[in-house]
């Protein structure tokens, strides 16, 4: 252990001496990329992890006693950390889209979705582990950092406020357990913040009805909720977070890979037709709606392409065939009899 930490310390301090302005370089570069792309954000903050914090992280162990980070200089990805704070959650996919254009994404984790999937409320942020390589060649401020891996956290102002306050409270308590009422209060506050972020997104949509997401956003499970929030507003409920990966696959299978193509699929005439044909007994979620729109447009081809996917693939083909039959029946307009019968 001591040799491993000693080697890490030597590597770290040599790197710091060679790159004394790393935080300014990374923060400035990300700011410029977002500004040039026309993305609205509150602020960008960059930092280089301090030695005591890095050393403590490098000493962490797995339950079996083995080091959590066998090669800490390579395995720990947030020695350089950048935080992008946005005003609304709909801006998060725009930020992610810009970063994907300029860096290689080694890992992308939606902490908000993970928490929601677990059935609770809590820490909300999107974490990206990015690598500087040939995609970053034109970023002059980062020319000396080829091969460097760093972490970016993207969160809203409200998510940031919750996380900072929660961290401050827990950090001061150390290993001491919090009063259960405090944990419950944090969870309640997180739920209210998520609701407030949704309302802010709705306000922006109502104030700017013609606002559309950037056309070159890459469709992923992480970006699709934000894109759909801008295209649909709050007309249809957001689906379960883990299902957006499936939506990404469905869209790709049918050749819908750009915002204009998705916007064309979500036209009001087809949505109204779907409502009449399917006669929903509920307000459909975003993914169910898009699945039906794809079925209406592509028919049997959509069944062939995606019939073996989803949560219940054994039942899906039969269900889709029944829904398509109802849609086709709705499109048949009865002929009027003339006066001769």
Protein backbone atom coordinates (compact mmCIF):
# COMPACT_ATOMS: atom_id res chain seq x y z
CA UNK A 1 0.00 0.00 0.00
CA UNK A 2 2.66 2.54 1.01
CA UNK A 3 4.69 1.99 -2.18
CA UNK A 4 1.58 2.35 -4.34
CA UNK A 5 0.59 5.60 -2.64
CA UNK A 6 4.17 6.88 -2.76
CA UNK A 7 4.34 6.29 -6.52
CA UNK A 8 0.98 8.00 -6.94
CA UNK A 9 2.19 11.00 -4.93
CA UNK A 10 5.33 11.32 -7.01
CA UNK A 11 3.36 11.10 -10.26
CA UNK A 12 0.73 13.54 -9.05
CA UNK A 13 3.12 16.25 -7.84
CA UNK A 14 5.25 15.98 -10.99
CA UNK A 15 2.12 16.46 -13.07
CA UNK A 16 0.95 19.43 -11.00
CA UNK A 17 4.31 21.15 -11.40
CA UNK A 18 4.19 20.58 -15.15
CA UNK A 19 0.59 21.83 -15.47
CA UNK A 20 0.04 24.60 -12.89
CA UNK A 21 -2.82 26.17 -14.89
CA UNK A 22 -4.71 22.97 -15.71
CA UNK A 23 -7.95 24.05 -14.01
CA UNK A 24 -8.03 27.34 -15.92
CA UNK A 25 -7.26 25.57 -19.20
CA UNK A 26 -10.02 22.98 -18.82
CA UNK A 27 -12.61 25.41 -17.47
CA UNK A 28 -11.88 27.96 -20.18
CA UNK A 29 -11.95 25.36 -22.96
CA UNK A 30 -15.34 23.97 -21.91
CA UNK A 31 -16.78 27.47 -21.56
CA UNK A 32 -15.62 28.37 -25.06
CA UNK A 33 -17.03 25.17 -26.60
CA UNK A 34 -20.46 25.71 -25.02
CA UNK A 35 -20.54 29.41 -25.86
CA UNK A 36 -19.54 28.82 -29.48
CA UNK A 37 -22.28 26.17 -29.78
CA UNK A 38 -24.88 28.62 -28.46
CA UNK A 39 -25.65 26.55 -25.36
CA UNK A 40 -27.08 28.47 -22.42
CA UNK A 41 -25.56 27.67 -19.04
CA UNK A 42 -25.10 29.28 -15.64
CA UNK A 43 -21.39 28.63 -15.06
CA UNK A 44 -18.49 26.27 -15.58
CA UNK A 45 -16.15 25.42 -12.70
CA UNK A 46 -12.98 23.34 -13.03
CA UNK A 47 -10.63 22.04 -10.35
CA UNK A 48 -7.66 19.73 -9.91
CA UNK A 49 -8.14 17.25 -7.09
CA UNK A 50 -6.04 18.10 -4.05
CA UNK A 51 -3.49 15.58 -2.84
CA UNK A 52 -5.19 14.65 0.49
CA UNK A 53 -8.45 13.94 -1.34
CA UNK A 54 -6.73 11.90 -4.06
CA UNK A 55 -4.74 9.93 -1.49
CA UNK A 56 -7.87 9.11 0.51
CA UNK A 57 -9.65 7.91 -2.63
CA UNK A 58 -6.66 5.80 -3.69
CA UNK A 59 -6.72 4.00 -0.33
CA UNK A 60 -10.29 2.74 -0.72
CA UNK A 61 -10.72 -1.03 -0.81
CA UNK A 62 -13.23 -3.54 -2.08
CA UNK A 63 -15.15 -5.72 0.41
CA UNK A 64 -12.58 -8.48 -0.09
CA UNK A 65 -9.74 -6.17 0.91
CA UNK A 66 -8.24 -5.64 -2.54
CA UNK A 67 -7.57 -2.06 -3.69
CA UNK A 68 -10.55 -0.41 -5.36
CA UNK A 69 -8.07 1.40 -7.63
CA UNK A 70 -5.10 -0.95 -8.29
CA UNK A 71 -3.43 1.67 -10.51
CA UNK A 72 -4.84 4.88 -9.02
CA UNK A 73 -3.29 7.32 -11.47
CA UNK A 74 -5.02 5.49 -14.33
CA UNK A 75 -8.10 4.18 -12.54
CA UNK A 76 -9.19 7.41 -10.82
CA UNK A 77 -10.79 9.59 -13.49
CA UNK A 78 -11.60 12.78 -11.61
CA UNK A 79 -8.11 14.12 -10.90
CA UNK A 80 -9.32 16.86 -13.22
CA UNK A 81 -12.98 17.65 -12.67
CA UNK A 82 -15.26 20.09 -14.49
CA UNK A 83 -18.75 21.00 -13.38
CA UNK A 84 -21.24 22.56 -15.79
CA UNK A 85 -24.26 24.16 -14.12
CA UNK A 86 -27.31 24.73 -16.32
CA UNK A 87 -30.50 26.67 -15.67
CA UNK A 88 -32.91 24.00 -16.90
CA UNK A 89 -32.69 20.23 -17.30
CA UNK A 90 -33.46 20.57 -21.03
CA UNK A 91 -30.03 22.20 -21.42
CA UNK A 92 -28.24 19.12 -20.07
CA UNK A 93 -28.55 17.06 -23.30
CA UNK A 94 -27.33 20.08 -25.27
CA UNK A 95 -24.20 20.25 -23.10
CA UNK A 96 -23.65 16.51 -23.46
CA UNK A 97 -24.09 16.76 -27.22
CA UNK A 98 -21.36 19.41 -27.50
CA UNK A 99 -18.95 17.44 -25.32
CA UNK A 100 -19.51 14.28 -27.39
CA UNK A 101 -18.49 16.20 -30.51
CA UNK A 102 -15.13 17.25 -29.06
CA UNK A 103 -14.10 14.38 -26.77
CA UNK A 104 -14.25 10.61 -26.67
CA UNK A 105 -16.74 9.47 -24.04
CA UNK A 106 -15.31 6.63 -21.95
CA UNK A 107 -18.32 6.53 -19.63
CA UNK A 108 -21.69 8.27 -19.34
CA UNK A 109 -23.83 7.87 -16.21
CA UNK A 110 -27.13 9.59 -15.48
CA UNK A 111 -27.15 9.68 -11.67
CA UNK A 112 -30.65 11.18 -11.67
CA UNK A 113 -31.97 8.23 -13.67
CA UNK A 114 -30.16 5.73 -11.45
CA UNK A 115 -31.78 7.23 -8.37
CA UNK A 116 -35.20 7.24 -10.03
CA UNK A 117 -34.84 3.62 -11.14
CA UNK A 118 -34.01 2.70 -7.54
CA UNK A 119 -37.38 4.15 -6.59
CA UNK A 120 -36.24 7.19 -4.66
CA UNK A 121 -35.12 10.79 -4.80
CA UNK A 122 -31.63 12.06 -4.18
CA UNK A 123 -28.46 13.09 -5.91
CA UNK A 124 -29.09 14.36 -9.42
CA UNK A 125 -26.32 14.89 -11.97
CA UNK A 126 -24.98 13.53 -15.22
CA UNK A 127 -21.39 12.27 -15.07
CA UNK A 128 -19.18 11.94 -18.14
CA UNK A 129 -15.66 10.51 -18.25
CA UNK A 130 -14.02 12.12 -21.28
CA UNK A 131 -10.73 11.49 -23.07
CA UNK A 132 -8.68 14.06 -24.96
CA UNK A 133 -7.64 12.56 -28.31
CA UNK A 134 -7.77 13.35 -32.02
CA UNK A 135 -11.36 14.63 -31.68
CA UNK A 136 -9.97 17.39 -29.45
CA UNK A 137 -7.13 18.38 -31.80
CA UNK A 138 -8.56 21.82 -32.56
CA UNK A 139 -8.94 22.85 -28.90
CA UNK A 140 -5.84 24.98 -28.51
CA UNK A 141 -6.02 25.31 -24.71
CA UNK A 142 -5.90 21.53 -24.31
CA UNK A 143 -3.15 20.78 -26.83
CA UNK A 144 -0.69 19.79 -24.08
CA UNK A 145 -3.14 17.33 -22.47
CA UNK A 146 -3.37 14.67 -25.19
CA UNK A 147 -4.43 11.33 -23.68
CA UNK A 148 -5.66 12.87 -20.42
CA UNK A 149 -8.93 11.56 -18.99
CA UNK A 150 -11.16 13.87 -16.95
CA UNK A 151 -14.64 13.96 -15.48
CA UNK A 152 -17.47 16.39 -16.23
CA UNK A 153 -20.57 16.69 -14.06
CA UNK A 154 -23.58 18.37 -15.63
CA UNK A 155 -26.44 19.42 -13.36
CA UNK A 156 -29.06 22.13 -12.97
CA UNK A 157 -28.76 25.04 -10.55
CA UNK A 158 -31.32 23.39 -8.27
CA UNK A 159 -29.58 20.00 -8.38
CA UNK A 160 -26.31 21.75 -7.59
CA UNK A 161 -27.76 23.57 -4.59
CA UNK A 162 -29.18 20.32 -3.19
CA UNK A 163 -25.92 18.40 -3.71
CA UNK A 164 -23.74 21.09 -2.14
CA UNK A 165 -25.95 21.44 0.92
CA UNK A 166 -26.32 17.68 1.36
CA UNK A 167 -22.56 17.13 1.02
CA UNK A 168 -21.86 19.90 3.53
CA UNK A 169 -24.19 18.37 6.12
CA UNK A 170 -22.88 14.83 5.68
CA UNK A 171 -19.22 15.89 5.51
CA UNK A 172 -19.47 17.69 8.83
CA UNK A 173 -20.98 14.60 10.44
CA UNK A 174 -18.15 12.33 9.28
CA UNK A 175 -18.94 8.67 9.98
CA UNK A 176 -21.76 9.52 12.37
CA UNK A 177 -25.18 8.49 11.09
CA UNK A 178 -27.71 11.20 10.39
CA UNK A 179 -31.06 11.42 12.12
CA UNK A 180 -33.50 9.45 9.89
CA UNK A 181 -35.69 12.54 9.76
CA UNK A 182 -32.83 14.41 8.08
CA UNK A 183 -32.49 11.70 5.43
CA UNK A 184 -36.23 11.85 4.82
CA UNK A 185 -36.10 15.64 4.54
CA UNK A 186 -33.28 15.42 1.99
CA UNK A 187 -35.27 12.90 -0.06
CA UNK A 188 -38.35 15.12 0.07
CA UNK A 189 -36.31 18.18 -0.98
CA UNK A 190 -34.82 16.20 -3.88
CA UNK A 191 -38.32 15.25 -5.06
CA UNK A 192 -39.44 18.88 -4.92
CA UNK A 193 -36.35 19.95 -6.85
CA UNK A 194 -37.06 17.39 -9.58
CA UNK A 195 -40.62 18.73 -9.81
CA UNK A 196 -39.34 22.33 -9.92
CA UNK A 197 -36.92 21.48 -12.74
CA UNK A 198 -39.81 19.99 -14.72
CA UNK A 199 -41.84 23.15 -14.19
CA UNK A 200 -38.94 25.33 -15.33
CA UNK A 201 -38.72 23.23 -18.50
CA UNK A 202 -42.44 23.73 -19.07
CA UNK A 203 -42.14 27.50 -18.56
CA UNK A 204 -39.38 27.70 -21.17
CA UNK A 205 -41.46 25.67 -23.61
CA UNK A 206 -44.51 27.89 -23.09
CA UNK A 207 -42.49 31.08 -23.40
CA UNK A 208 -40.65 29.86 -26.48
CA UNK A 209 -43.01 27.53 -28.34
CA UNK A 210 -40.80 27.56 -31.43
CA UNK A 211 -37.68 26.54 -29.52
CA UNK A 212 -36.22 23.29 -30.81
CA UNK A 213 -33.18 21.31 -29.71
CA UNK A 214 -30.02 21.48 -31.81
CA UNK A 215 -30.39 19.35 -34.93
CA UNK A 216 -27.06 17.57 -34.48
CA UNK A 217 -27.74 16.13 -31.02
CA UNK A 218 -26.88 12.44 -30.90
CA UNK A 219 -29.81 10.33 -29.72
CA UNK A 220 -28.87 8.38 -26.61
CA UNK A 221 -30.71 7.18 -23.53
CA UNK A 222 -29.28 10.20 -21.75
CA UNK A 223 -30.18 12.89 -24.31
CA UNK A 224 -33.61 11.66 -25.46
CA UNK A 225 -35.58 12.75 -22.35
CA UNK A 226 -34.35 16.33 -22.76
CA UNK A 227 -34.99 16.35 -26.51
CA UNK A 228 -38.53 15.06 -26.00
CA UNK A 229 -39.15 17.63 -23.26
CA UNK A 230 -38.44 20.35 -25.82
CA UNK A 231 -40.44 18.71 -28.61
CA UNK A 232 -43.45 17.56 -26.56
CA UNK A 233 -43.42 19.80 -23.49
CA UNK A 234 -45.44 18.12 -20.75
CA UNK A 235 -48.17 16.77 -23.03
CA UNK A 236 -47.11 13.19 -22.38
CA UNK A 237 -45.54 11.84 -19.18
CA UNK A 238 -41.88 10.96 -19.11
CA UNK A 239 -41.39 7.20 -19.28
CA UNK A 240 -39.27 5.07 -16.96
CA UNK A 241 -35.65 6.14 -17.32
CA UNK A 242 -34.26 2.68 -18.04
CA UNK A 243 -36.54 2.38 -21.09
CA UNK A 244 -34.95 5.24 -23.03
CA UNK A 245 -32.16 2.88 -24.11
CA UNK A 246 -34.87 0.81 -25.80
CA UNK A 247 -36.32 3.94 -27.40
CA UNK A 248 -32.87 4.77 -28.77
CA UNK A 249 -32.72 1.28 -30.33
CA UNK A 250 -36.23 1.57 -31.80
CA UNK A 251 -35.52 4.92 -33.43
CA UNK A 252 -32.21 3.71 -34.87
CA UNK A 253 -33.87 0.53 -36.19
CA UNK A 254 -36.32 2.68 -38.15
CA UNK A 255 -33.70 5.14 -39.39
CA UNK A 256 -34.79 8.07 -37.23
CA UNK A 257 -31.51 9.54 -36.01
CA UNK A 258 -31.91 13.33 -36.22
CA UNK A 259 -34.06 15.90 -34.44
CA UNK A 260 -35.93 16.97 -37.61
CA UNK A 261 -36.81 13.32 -38.34
CA UNK A 262 -38.06 12.82 -34.78
CA UNK A 263 -39.98 16.10 -34.91
CA UNK A 264 -41.62 14.94 -38.13
CA UNK A 265 -42.69 11.70 -36.46
CA UNK A 266 -44.27 13.66 -33.60
CA UNK A 267 -46.61 15.72 -35.79
CA UNK A 268 -49.99 16.60 -34.30
CA UNK A 269 -52.05 15.00 -37.09
CA UNK A 270 -50.51 11.57 -36.53
CA UNK A 271 -50.75 11.93 -32.76
CA UNK A 272 -54.46 12.71 -33.05
CA UNK A 273 -54.93 9.75 -35.38
CA UNK A 274 -53.18 7.46 -32.92
CA UNK A 275 -55.43 8.65 -30.11
CA UNK A 276 -58.56 7.89 -32.15
CA UNK A 277 -57.32 4.49 -33.31
CA UNK A 278 -55.89 3.16 -30.05
CA UNK A 279 -58.44 4.88 -27.78
CA UNK A 280 -56.05 5.05 -24.84
CA UNK A 281 -57.60 4.60 -21.41
CA UNK A 282 -54.63 6.51 -20.01
CA UNK A 283 -52.33 9.34 -20.99
CA UNK A 284 -49.56 7.44 -22.83
CA UNK A 285 -45.96 7.95 -21.83
CA UNK A 286 -43.45 9.29 -24.32
CA UNK A 287 -42.07 5.89 -25.31
CA UNK A 288 -45.46 4.23 -25.77
CA UNK A 289 -46.59 7.15 -27.92
CA UNK A 290 -43.50 6.97 -30.13
CA UNK A 291 -43.79 3.19 -30.41
CA UNK A 292 -47.35 3.61 -31.71
CA UNK A 293 -46.33 6.40 -34.09
CA UNK A 294 -43.58 4.19 -35.50
CA UNK A 295 -46.10 1.35 -35.86
CA UNK A 296 -48.53 3.62 -37.70
CA UNK A 297 -45.84 4.88 -40.07
CA UNK A 298 -43.88 1.69 -40.78
CA UNK A 299 -46.48 -1.01 -40.08
CA UNK A 300 -45.19 -4.57 -40.45
CA UNK A 301 -41.65 -3.30 -40.95
CA UNK A 302 -41.67 -1.86 -37.43
CA UNK A 303 -42.90 -5.19 -36.08
CA UNK A 304 -40.12 -7.04 -37.92
CA UNK A 305 -37.46 -4.61 -36.70
CA UNK A 306 -38.47 -4.38 -33.05
CA UNK A 307 -40.93 -7.20 -32.39
CA UNK A 308 -38.37 -9.21 -30.45
CA UNK A 309 -37.35 -6.37 -28.14
CA UNK A 310 -38.78 -4.68 -25.07
CA UNK A 311 -39.59 -5.90 -21.59
CA UNK A 312 -41.83 -8.77 -22.84
CA UNK A 313 -40.56 -9.77 -26.28
CA UNK A 314 -42.59 -13.00 -26.32
CA UNK A 315 -45.83 -11.02 -26.23
CA UNK A 316 -44.79 -7.95 -28.16
CA UNK A 317 -45.36 -9.16 -31.73
CA UNK A 318 -48.92 -10.24 -31.00
CA UNK A 319 -49.69 -7.00 -29.17
CA UNK A 320 -48.23 -4.90 -31.98
CA UNK A 321 -50.21 -6.80 -34.60
CA UNK A 322 -53.44 -6.12 -32.70
CA UNK A 323 -52.63 -2.42 -32.36
CA UNK A 324 -51.74 -2.16 -36.05
CA UNK A 325 -55.06 -3.77 -36.98
CA UNK A 326 -56.94 -1.10 -35.01
CA UNK A 327 -54.89 1.64 -36.66
CA UNK A 328 -55.57 0.28 -40.14
CA UNK A 329 -59.29 0.01 -39.39
CA UNK A 330 -59.38 3.65 -38.33
CA UNK A 331 -57.78 4.67 -41.64
CA UNK A 332 -60.53 2.97 -43.67
CA UNK A 333 -63.20 5.54 -44.47
CA UNK A 334 -66.63 3.95 -45.25
CA UNK A 335 -68.03 4.83 -48.68
CA UNK A 336 -71.29 6.78 -48.70
CA UNK A 337 -74.16 5.16 -50.55
CA UNK A 338 -75.59 7.13 -53.41
CA UNK A 339 -79.33 7.56 -53.92
CA UNK A 340 -79.48 4.34 -55.91
CA UNK A 341 -78.05 2.35 -52.99
